[in-house]
């Protein structure tokens, strides 16, 4: 599980990849503040 904490309002791109780097994905996250918890599973 990953905890992502927003310091201020805005947008961020989170990129995750497999341990060998052969597969990756990016997700645009729009935040207004607070804490976002995810297991980053598809």
N, C-alpha and C. Protein backbone atom coordinates (compact mmCIF):
# COMPACT_ATOMS: atom_id res chain seq x y z
N UNK A 1 0.84 -1.17 0.00
CA UNK A 1 0.00 0.00 0.00
C UNK A 1 0.89 1.23 0.00
N UNK A 2 0.44 2.27 -0.67
CA UNK A 2 1.17 3.54 -0.71
C UNK A 2 0.31 4.63 -0.08
N UNK A 3 0.92 5.48 0.71
CA UNK A 3 0.26 6.66 1.25
C UNK A 3 0.82 7.87 0.53
N UNK A 4 -0.07 8.65 -0.07
CA UNK A 4 0.33 9.85 -0.79
C UNK A 4 -0.31 11.03 -0.07
N UNK A 5 0.49 11.97 0.37
CA UNK A 5 -0.01 13.11 1.12
C UNK A 5 0.10 14.36 0.26
N UNK A 6 -1.02 15.08 0.10
CA UNK A 6 -1.03 16.30 -0.68
C UNK A 6 -0.60 17.47 0.20
N UNK A 7 0.40 18.20 -0.24
CA UNK A 7 0.86 19.39 0.49
C UNK A 7 0.05 20.62 0.12
N UNK A 8 -0.46 20.64 -1.12
CA UNK A 8 -1.31 21.74 -1.56
C UNK A 8 -2.11 21.28 -2.77
N UNK A 9 -3.09 22.06 -3.17
CA UNK A 9 -3.94 21.72 -4.30
C UNK A 9 -3.14 21.71 -5.59
N UNK A 10 -3.47 20.76 -6.47
CA UNK A 10 -2.79 20.70 -7.76
C UNK A 10 -2.94 19.36 -8.43
N UNK A 11 -2.09 19.09 -9.39
CA UNK A 11 -2.11 17.84 -10.15
C UNK A 11 -0.73 17.19 -10.08
N UNK A 12 -0.73 15.87 -10.14
CA UNK A 12 0.52 15.13 -10.13
C UNK A 12 0.35 13.89 -10.98
N UNK A 13 1.43 13.42 -11.55
CA UNK A 13 1.41 12.17 -12.30
C UNK A 13 2.19 11.14 -11.49
N UNK A 14 1.55 10.01 -11.21
CA UNK A 14 2.19 8.91 -10.49
C UNK A 14 2.50 7.83 -11.50
N UNK A 15 3.75 7.42 -11.56
CA UNK A 15 4.17 6.37 -12.48
C UNK A 15 4.64 5.17 -11.68
N UNK A 16 4.10 4.01 -12.01
CA UNK A 16 4.50 2.76 -11.35
C UNK A 16 4.99 1.80 -12.42
N UNK A 17 5.89 0.90 -12.01
CA UNK A 17 6.41 -0.09 -12.95
C UNK A 17 6.69 -1.40 -12.24
N UNK A 18 6.78 -2.45 -13.03
CA UNK A 18 7.12 -3.76 -12.48
C UNK A 18 8.60 -3.74 -12.07
N UNK A 19 9.00 -4.65 -11.18
CA UNK A 19 10.39 -4.66 -10.72
C UNK A 19 11.43 -4.74 -11.85
N UNK A 20 11.10 -5.42 -12.94
CA UNK A 20 12.06 -5.53 -14.04
C UNK A 20 11.95 -4.37 -15.03
N UNK A 21 10.99 -3.46 -14.82
CA UNK A 21 10.86 -2.27 -15.66
C UNK A 21 10.24 -2.50 -17.02
N UNK A 22 9.73 -3.69 -17.29
CA UNK A 22 9.20 -3.99 -18.62
C UNK A 22 7.79 -3.44 -18.82
N UNK A 23 7.04 -3.25 -17.73
CA UNK A 23 5.67 -2.74 -17.82
C UNK A 23 5.55 -1.55 -16.86
N UNK A 24 4.93 -0.47 -17.36
CA UNK A 24 4.70 0.68 -16.49
C UNK A 24 3.39 1.34 -16.86
N UNK A 25 2.89 2.16 -15.93
CA UNK A 25 1.65 2.90 -16.17
C UNK A 25 1.74 4.21 -15.41
N UNK A 26 1.08 5.23 -15.95
CA UNK A 26 1.04 6.54 -15.31
C UNK A 26 -0.41 6.93 -15.07
N UNK A 27 -0.65 7.58 -13.94
CA UNK A 27 -2.00 7.99 -13.56
C UNK A 27 -1.95 9.46 -13.16
N UNK A 28 -2.85 10.27 -13.71
CA UNK A 28 -2.96 11.68 -13.33
C UNK A 28 -3.84 11.75 -12.09
N UNK A 29 -3.35 12.42 -11.05
CA UNK A 29 -4.08 12.58 -9.80
C UNK A 29 -4.30 14.06 -9.56
N UNK A 30 -5.56 14.45 -9.34
CA UNK A 30 -5.90 15.83 -9.00
C UNK A 30 -6.27 15.85 -7.52
N UNK A 31 -5.62 16.72 -6.76
CA UNK A 31 -5.84 16.75 -5.32
C UNK A 31 -6.23 18.14 -4.84
N UNK A 32 -6.95 18.15 -3.73
CA UNK A 32 -7.29 19.43 -3.09
C UNK A 32 -6.70 19.49 -1.69
N UNK A 33 -6.11 18.38 -1.22
CA UNK A 33 -5.49 18.32 0.10
C UNK A 33 -5.83 17.01 0.76
N UNK A 34 -5.14 16.69 1.82
CA UNK A 34 -5.44 15.48 2.57
C UNK A 34 -4.53 14.33 2.21
N UNK A 35 -4.99 13.12 2.53
CA UNK A 35 -4.19 11.92 2.35
C UNK A 35 -4.94 10.92 1.46
N UNK A 36 -4.23 10.30 0.53
CA UNK A 36 -4.80 9.36 -0.42
C UNK A 36 -4.09 8.03 -0.20
N UNK A 37 -4.84 6.97 0.09
CA UNK A 37 -4.25 5.65 0.29
C UNK A 37 -4.65 4.74 -0.85
N UNK A 38 -3.68 4.00 -1.40
CA UNK A 38 -3.96 3.10 -2.49
C UNK A 38 -3.01 1.92 -2.44
N UNK A 39 -3.45 0.79 -3.01
CA UNK A 39 -2.55 -0.34 -3.16
C UNK A 39 -1.93 -0.35 -4.56
N UNK A 40 -2.26 0.65 -5.37
CA UNK A 40 -1.73 0.84 -6.73
C UNK A 40 -1.92 -0.39 -7.61
N UNK A 41 -3.00 -1.12 -7.40
CA UNK A 41 -3.29 -2.28 -8.25
C UNK A 41 -4.24 -1.87 -9.36
N UNK A 42 -4.17 -2.56 -10.46
CA UNK A 42 -5.01 -2.23 -11.60
C UNK A 42 -6.28 -2.96 -11.55
